[in-house]
């Protein structure tokens, strides 16, 4: 079970975008995720009239390592570490380590 999933709201812990919040758009692989509005890079795009692409400079969200982000805890107002806990009925859920509150509602 993954501790950070697509659609989660995360906060950046280190790097040039420290403190920014955004939602996870996709997982690149086991170690990297793409977060909305974080780690943006400028990419030069060549025009392609056949597919209707206009050339120019486009900003693109680049992958960021999961060790540099943390799941955002709205009640605490900061990022929190996540543990995986097995409930009595056999379901596996994610919980914040500091508060013990269930992430998956």
Protein backbone atom coordinates (compact mmCIF):
# COMPACT_ATOMS: atom_id res chain seq x y z
CA UNK A 1 0.00 0.00 0.00
CA UNK A 2 1.35 3.40 -0.97
CA UNK A 3 1.58 6.15 1.63
CA UNK A 4 1.15 8.93 -0.96
CA UNK A 5 -1.45 8.44 -3.68
CA UNK A 6 -2.87 10.29 -6.66
CA UNK A 7 -5.20 13.08 -5.52
CA UNK A 8 -3.60 13.56 -2.07
CA UNK A 9 -2.82 17.08 -0.89
CA UNK A 10 0.87 17.33 -0.04
CA UNK A 11 3.31 19.98 1.16
CA UNK A 12 6.91 20.36 -0.02
CA UNK A 13 9.49 19.93 2.76
CA UNK A 14 12.74 20.85 0.98
CA UNK A 15 14.02 22.45 -2.18
CA UNK A 16 13.24 25.58 -4.14
CA UNK A 17 9.48 25.14 -3.63
CA UNK A 18 9.62 24.57 0.14
CA UNK A 19 6.28 25.30 1.80
CA UNK A 20 4.17 25.05 -1.35
CA UNK A 21 1.06 22.89 -1.30
CA UNK A 22 -0.55 21.03 -4.15
CA UNK A 23 -2.32 17.84 -5.12
CA UNK A 24 -0.60 14.79 -6.57
CA UNK A 25 -1.39 14.55 -10.28
CA UNK A 26 0.29 11.19 -10.96
CA UNK A 27 2.95 8.77 -9.78
CA UNK A 28 5.89 8.47 -12.17
CA UNK A 29 7.29 5.39 -10.43
CA UNK A 30 7.74 4.12 -6.88
CA UNK A 31 9.91 7.08 -5.83
CA UNK A 32 8.68 10.07 -7.86
CA UNK A 33 5.36 11.93 -8.11
CA UNK A 34 4.16 14.97 -10.07
CA UNK A 35 2.58 17.64 -7.85
CA UNK A 36 0.41 20.41 -9.25
CA UNK A 37 2.28 23.74 -9.34
CA UNK A 38 5.49 22.37 -7.81
CA UNK A 39 8.92 21.92 -9.45
CA UNK A 40 7.92 23.74 -12.63
CA UNK A 41 10.35 23.93 -15.58
CA UNK A 42 10.21 25.90 -18.81
CA UNK A 43 10.17 23.79 -21.97
CA UNK A 44 10.64 25.13 -25.49
CA UNK A 45 7.99 23.66 -27.80
CA UNK A 46 8.28 23.61 -31.57
CA UNK A 47 5.10 24.53 -33.45
CA UNK A 48 3.24 21.71 -35.19
CA UNK A 49 0.41 22.98 -37.40
CA UNK A 50 -0.80 19.45 -38.20
CA UNK A 51 -1.75 18.71 -34.57
CA UNK A 52 -2.60 22.34 -33.78
CA UNK A 53 0.29 22.93 -31.35
CA UNK A 54 1.41 26.54 -31.08
CA UNK A 55 5.12 26.96 -30.49
CA UNK A 56 6.68 28.88 -27.63
CA UNK A 57 7.78 28.44 -24.05
CA UNK A 58 5.56 26.21 -21.91
CA UNK A 59 5.78 25.65 -18.16
CA UNK A 60 5.64 21.99 -17.19
CA UNK A 61 5.35 20.25 -13.80
CA UNK A 62 8.34 17.96 -13.28
CA UNK A 63 8.57 14.94 -10.95
CA UNK A 64 9.68 15.39 -7.34
CA UNK A 65 11.03 12.70 -5.01
CA UNK A 66 8.58 11.48 -2.36
CA UNK A 67 11.15 12.05 0.38
CA UNK A 68 10.84 15.79 -0.27
CA UNK A 69 7.07 15.93 0.29
CA UNK A 70 4.70 15.04 3.13
CA UNK A 71 0.97 14.44 3.27
CA UNK A 72 -0.78 17.63 4.44
CA UNK A 73 -2.73 17.37 7.70
CA UNK A 74 -5.50 20.00 7.58
CA UNK A 75 -6.22 19.89 11.32
CA UNK A 76 -2.57 20.35 12.31
CA UNK A 77 -1.92 22.79 9.46
CA UNK A 78 1.35 21.12 8.48
CA UNK A 79 2.78 18.03 6.85
CA UNK A 80 2.65 14.75 8.69
CA UNK A 81 4.19 11.32 8.52
CA UNK A 82 1.89 8.47 7.55
CA UNK A 83 1.66 4.91 8.84
CA UNK A 84 -0.41 2.02 7.55
CA UNK A 85 -2.70 0.41 10.10
CA UNK A 86 -4.87 -2.69 9.85
CA UNK A 87 -8.36 -2.29 11.27
CA UNK A 88 -10.35 -4.99 13.09
CA UNK A 89 -12.46 -5.70 10.01
CA UNK A 90 -9.31 -6.41 7.96
CA UNK A 91 -9.14 -3.12 6.02
CA UNK A 92 -5.81 -1.34 5.64
CA UNK A 93 -5.95 2.44 6.21
CA UNK A 94 -3.46 5.27 6.35
CA UNK A 95 -3.16 7.19 9.63
CA UNK A 96 -1.12 10.20 10.69
CA UNK A 97 1.60 9.14 13.13
CA UNK A 98 1.35 12.25 15.30
CA UNK A 99 -2.42 12.29 15.83
CA UNK A 100 -3.46 8.75 14.93
CA UNK A 101 -6.24 10.17 12.77
CA UNK A 102 -7.31 8.19 9.71
CA UNK A 103 -6.40 9.80 6.36
CA UNK A 104 -8.81 7.73 4.25
CA UNK A 105 -12.35 8.71 5.15
